[in-house]
């Protein structure tokens, strides 16, 4: 079983986390607020966990 984020498959959750974090930061830079960016990457805005 792997993990998928934006069409890419990752063998380990630890491999996917930095990619998801980078996407979150990019979305913030583009003007999304914290709640919107968290929703796009699939994490809780409160905890930062999926």
PDB file of N, CA and C in Angstrom:
ATOM      1  N   UNK A   1       0.834  -1.178   0.000  1.00  0.00           N
ATOM      2  CA  UNK A   1       0.000   0.000   0.000  1.00  0.00           C
ATOM      3  C   UNK A   1       0.882   1.245   0.000  1.00  0.00           C
ATOM      4  N   UNK A   2       0.553   2.182  -0.865  1.00  0.00           N
ATOM      5  CA  UNK A   2       1.319   3.418  -0.944  1.00  0.00           C
ATOM      6  C   UNK A   2       0.444   4.613  -0.636  1.00  0.00           C
ATOM      7  N   UNK A   3       1.033   5.765  -0.803  1.00  0.00           N
ATOM      8  CA  UNK A   3       0.342   7.015  -0.560  1.00  0.00           C
ATOM      9  C   UNK A   3       0.351   7.817  -1.844  1.00  0.00           C
ATOM     10  N   UNK A   4      -0.750   8.494  -2.122  1.00  0.00           N
ATOM     11  CA  UNK A   4      -0.865   9.248  -3.361  1.00  0.00           C
ATOM     12  C   UNK A   4      -1.153  10.702  -3.056  1.00  0.00           C
ATOM     13  N   UNK A   5      -0.467  11.581  -3.770  1.00  0.00           N
ATOM     14  CA  UNK A   5      -0.710  13.008  -3.656  1.00  0.00           C
ATOM     15  C   UNK A   5      -0.521  13.631  -5.024  1.00  0.00           C
ATOM     16  N   UNK A   6      -1.550  14.280  -5.510  1.00  0.00           N
ATOM     17  CA  UNK A   6      -1.556  14.958  -6.803  1.00  0.00           C
ATOM     18  C   UNK A   6      -1.038  14.060  -7.934  1.00  0.00           C
ATOM     19  N   UNK A   7      -1.509  12.833  -7.945  1.00  0.00           N
ATOM     20  CA  UNK A   7      -1.195  11.918  -9.026  1.00  0.00           C
ATOM     21  C   UNK A   7       0.123  11.175  -8.896  1.00  0.00           C
ATOM     22  N   UNK A   8       0.890  11.463  -7.869  1.00  0.00           N
ATOM     23  CA  UNK A   8       2.162  10.774  -7.656  1.00  0.00           C
ATOM     24  C   UNK A   8       1.996   9.759  -6.535  1.00  0.00           C
ATOM     25  N   UNK A   9       2.635   8.619  -6.695  1.00  0.00           N
ATOM     26  CA  UNK A   9       2.578   7.547  -5.700  1.00  0.00           C
ATOM     27  C   UNK A   9       3.867   7.562  -4.876  1.00  0.00           C
ATOM     28  N   UNK A  10       3.712   7.476  -3.560  1.00  0.00           N
ATOM     29  CA  UNK A  10       4.850   7.457  -2.644  1.00  0.00           C
ATOM     30  C   UNK A  10       4.777   6.183  -1.814  1.00  0.00           C
ATOM     31  N   UNK A  11       5.904   5.526  -1.655  1.00  0.00           N
ATOM     32  CA  UNK A  11       5.948   4.274  -0.908  1.00  0.00           C
ATOM     33  C   UNK A  11       5.750   4.519   0.584  1.00  0.00           C
ATOM     34  N   UNK A  12       6.280   5.637   1.067  1.00  0.00           N
ATOM     35  CA  UNK A  12       6.191   5.936   2.498  1.00  0.00           C
ATOM     36  C   UNK A  12       5.569   7.307   2.715  1.00  0.00           C
ATOM     37  N   UNK A  13       4.838   7.433   3.786  1.00  0.00           N
ATOM     38  CA  UNK A  13       4.235   8.711   4.147  1.00  0.00           C
ATOM     39  C   UNK A  13       5.317   9.767   4.359  1.00  0.00           C
ATOM     40  N   UNK A  14       6.431   9.365   4.921  1.00  0.00           N
ATOM     41  CA  UNK A  14       7.539  10.294   5.162  1.00  0.00           C
ATOM     42  C   UNK A  14       8.089  10.873   3.863  1.00  0.00           C
ATOM     43  N   UNK A  15       7.944  10.147   2.755  1.00  0.00           N
ATOM     44  CA  UNK A  15       8.392  10.647   1.451  1.00  0.00           C
ATOM     45  C   UNK A  15       7.405  11.663   0.876  1.00  0.00           C
ATOM     46  N   UNK A  16       6.137  11.514   1.216  1.00  0.00           N
ATOM     47  CA  UNK A  16       5.103  12.393   0.675  1.00  0.00           C
ATOM     48  C   UNK A  16       4.994  13.705   1.445  1.00  0.00           C
ATOM     49  N   UNK A  17       5.268  13.698   2.738  1.00  0.00           N
ATOM     50  CA  UNK A  17       5.063  14.881   3.575  1.00  0.00           C
ATOM     51  C   UNK A  17       5.781  16.131   3.090  1.00  0.00           C
ATOM     52  N   UNK A  18       7.073  16.067   2.726  1.00  0.00           N
ATOM     53  CA  UNK A  18       7.741  17.295   2.269  1.00  0.00           C
ATOM     54  C   UNK A  18       7.137  17.852   0.978  1.00  0.00           C
ATOM     55  N   UNK A  19       6.674  16.975   0.116  1.00  0.00           N
ATOM     56  CA  UNK A  19       6.056  17.406  -1.136  1.00  0.00           C
ATOM     57  C   UNK A  19       4.741  18.122  -0.842  1.00  0.00           C
ATOM     58  N   UNK A  20       3.962  17.540   0.042  1.00  0.00           N
ATOM     59  CA  UNK A  20       2.681  18.139   0.419  1.00  0.00           C
ATOM     60  C   UNK A  20       2.919  19.470   1.135  1.00  0.00           C
ATOM     61  N   UNK A  21       3.914  19.542   1.990  1.00  0.00           N
ATOM     62  CA  UNK A  21       4.242  20.778   2.707  1.00  0.00           C
ATOM     63  C   UNK A  21       4.658  21.878   1.729  1.00  0.00           C
ATOM     64  N   UNK A  22       5.470  21.520   0.732  1.00  0.00           N
ATOM     65  CA  UNK A  22       5.911  22.496  -0.264  1.00  0.00           C
ATOM     66  C   UNK A  22       4.721  23.023  -1.057  1.00  0.00           C
ATOM     67  N   UNK A  23       3.801  22.149  -1.410  1.00  0.00           N
ATOM     68  CA  UNK A  23       2.593  22.569  -2.144  1.00  0.00           C
ATOM     69  C   UNK A  23       1.761  23.528  -1.296  1.00  0.00           C
ATOM     70  N   UNK A  24       1.662  23.267   0.000  1.00  0.00           N
ATOM     71  CA  UNK A  24       0.928  24.131   0.929  1.00  0.00           C
ATOM     72  C   UNK A  24       1.537  25.537   0.932  1.00  0.00           C
ATOM     73  N   UNK A  25       2.855  25.624   1.025  1.00  0.00           N
ATOM     74  CA  UNK A  25       3.541  26.914   1.036  1.00  0.00           C
ATOM     75  C   UNK A  25       3.330  27.641  -0.293  1.00  0.00           C
ATOM     76  N   UNK A  26       3.392  26.920  -1.398  1.00  0.00           N
ATOM     77  CA  UNK A  26       3.153  27.531  -2.711  1.00  0.00           C
ATOM     78  C   UNK A  26       1.757  28.133  -2.787  1.00  0.00           C
ATOM     79  N   UNK A  27       0.777  27.428  -2.260  1.00  0.00           N
ATOM     80  CA  UNK A  27      -0.592  27.927  -2.273  1.00  0.00           C
ATOM     81  C   UNK A  27      -0.733  29.183  -1.422  1.00  0.00           C
ATOM     82  N   UNK A  28      -0.052  29.228  -0.287  1.00  0.00           N
ATOM     83  CA  UNK A  28      -0.076  30.429   0.542  1.00  0.00           C
ATOM     84  C   UNK A  28       0.553  31.605  -0.202  1.00  0.00           C
ATOM     85  N   UNK A  29       1.644  31.345  -0.902  1.00  0.00           N
ATOM     86  CA  UNK A  29       2.310  32.393  -1.681  1.00  0.00           C
ATOM     87  C   UNK A  29       1.427  32.917  -2.809  1.00  0.00           C
ATOM     88  N   UNK A  30       0.537  32.075  -3.307  1.00  0.00           N
ATOM     89  CA  UNK A  30      -0.372  32.477  -4.392  1.00  0.00           C
ATOM     90  C   UNK A  30      -1.594  33.228  -3.880  1.00  0.00           C
ATOM     91  N   UNK A  31      -1.724  33.353  -2.553  1.00  0.00           N
ATOM     92  CA  UNK A  31      -2.795  34.156  -2.005  1.00  0.00           C
ATOM     93  C   UNK A  31      -3.915  33.400  -1.314  1.00  0.00           C
ATOM     94  N   UNK A  32      -3.847  32.076  -1.271  1.00  0.00           N
ATOM     95  CA  UNK A  32      -4.866  31.327  -0.539  1.00  0.00           C
ATOM     96  C   UNK A  32      -4.643  31.526   0.956  1.00  0.00           C
ATOM     97  N   UNK A  33      -5.715  31.473   1.718  1.00  0.00           N
ATOM     98  CA  UNK A  33      -5.542  31.566   3.167  1.00  0.00           C
ATOM     99  C   UNK A  33      -5.213  30.169   3.710  1.00  0.00           C
ATOM    100  N   UNK A  34      -4.914  30.103   5.010  1.00  0.00           N
ATOM    101  CA  UNK A  34      -4.490  28.840   5.617  1.00  0.00           C
ATOM    102  C   UNK A  34      -5.533  27.738   5.455  1.00  0.00           C
ATOM    103  N   UNK A  35      -6.785  28.089   5.642  1.00  0.00           N
ATOM    104  CA  UNK A  35      -7.868  27.104   5.543  1.00  0.00           C
ATOM    105  C   UNK A  35      -7.987  26.564   4.126  1.00  0.00           C
ATOM    106  N   UNK A  36      -7.957  27.448   3.139  1.00  0.00           N
ATOM    107  CA  UNK A  36      -8.072  27.025   1.747  1.00  0.00           C
ATOM    108  C   UNK A  36      -6.891  26.139   1.343  1.00  0.00           C
ATOM    109  N   UNK A  37      -5.686  26.534   1.703  1.00  0.00           N
ATOM    110  CA  UNK A  37      -4.491  25.758   1.347  1.00  0.00           C
ATOM    111  C   UNK A  37      -4.520  24.385   2.013  1.00  0.00           C
ATOM    112  N   UNK A  38      -4.930  24.334   3.262  1.00  0.00           N
ATOM    113  CA  UNK A  38      -5.016  23.054   3.964  1.00  0.00           C
ATOM    114  C   UNK A  38      -6.020  22.137   3.287  1.00  0.00           C
ATOM    115  N   UNK A  39      -7.136  22.690   2.857  1.00  0.00           N
ATOM    116  CA  UNK A  39      -8.160  21.890   2.180  1.00  0.00           C
ATOM    117  C   UNK A  39      -7.622  21.316   0.864  1.00  0.00           C
ATOM    118  N   UNK A  40      -6.898  22.110   0.109  1.00  0.00           N
ATOM    119  CA  UNK A  40      -6.362  21.657  -1.184  1.00  0.00           C
ATOM    120  C   UNK A  40      -5.381  20.501  -0.999  1.00  0.00           C
ATOM    121  N   UNK A  41      -4.500  20.598  -0.019  1.00  0.00           N
ATOM    122  CA  UNK A  41      -3.506  19.536   0.159  1.00  0.00           C
ATOM    123  C   UNK A  41      -4.018  18.383   1.008  1.00  0.00           C
ATOM    124  N   UNK A  42      -5.218  18.543   1.578  1.00  0.00           N
ATOM    125  CA  UNK A  42      -5.841  17.432   2.289  1.00  0.00           C
ATOM    126  C   UNK A  42      -5.406  17.247   3.719  1.00  0.00           C
ATOM    127  N   UNK A  43      -5.131  18.342   4.407  1.00  0.00           N
ATOM    128  CA  UNK A  43      -4.766  18.253   5.817  1.00  0.00           C
ATOM    129  C   UNK A  43      -5.690  19.134   6.647  1.00  0.00           C
ATOM    130  N   UNK A  44      -5.715  18.866   7.931  1.00  0.00           N
ATOM    131  CA  UNK A  44      -6.482  19.683   8.861  1.00  0.00           C
ATOM    132  C   UNK A  44      -5.764  21.002   9.076  1.00  0.00           C
ATOM    133  N   UNK A  45      -6.477  22.114   8.979  1.00  0.00           N
ATOM    134  CA  UNK A  45      -5.841  23.417   9.216  1.00  0.00           C
ATOM    135  C   UNK A  45      -5.409  23.552  10.666  1.00  0.00           C
ATOM    136  N   UNK A  46      -6.061  22.834  11.529  1.00  0.00           N
ATOM    137  CA  UNK A  46      -5.778  22.940  12.952  1.00  0.00           C
ATOM    138  C   UNK A  46      -4.568  22.096  13.360  1.00  0.00           C
ATOM    139  N   UNK A  47      -4.483  20.871  12.854  1.00  0.00           N
ATOM    140  CA  UNK A  47      -3.414  19.965  13.286  1.00  0.00           C
ATOM    141  C   UNK A  47      -2.317  19.795  12.254  1.00  0.00           C
ATOM    142  N   UNK A  48      -2.622  20.051  10.987  1.00  0.00           N
ATOM    143  CA  UNK A  48      -1.652  19.833   9.927  1.00  0.00           C
ATOM    144  C   UNK A  48      -1.532  18.375   9.517  1.00  0.00           C
ATOM    145  N   UNK A  49      -2.417  17.520  10.021  1.00  0.00           N
ATOM    146  CA  UNK A  49      -2.391  16.095   9.695  1.00  0.00           C
ATOM    147  C   UNK A  49      -3.512  15.735   8.743  1.00  0.00           C
ATOM    148  N   UNK A  50      -3.282  14.689   8.003  1.00  0.00           N
ATOM    149  CA  UNK A  50      -4.303  14.217   7.064  1.00  0.00           C
ATOM    150  C   UNK A  50      -5.461  13.584   7.796  1.00  0.00           C
TER     151      UNK A  50
END
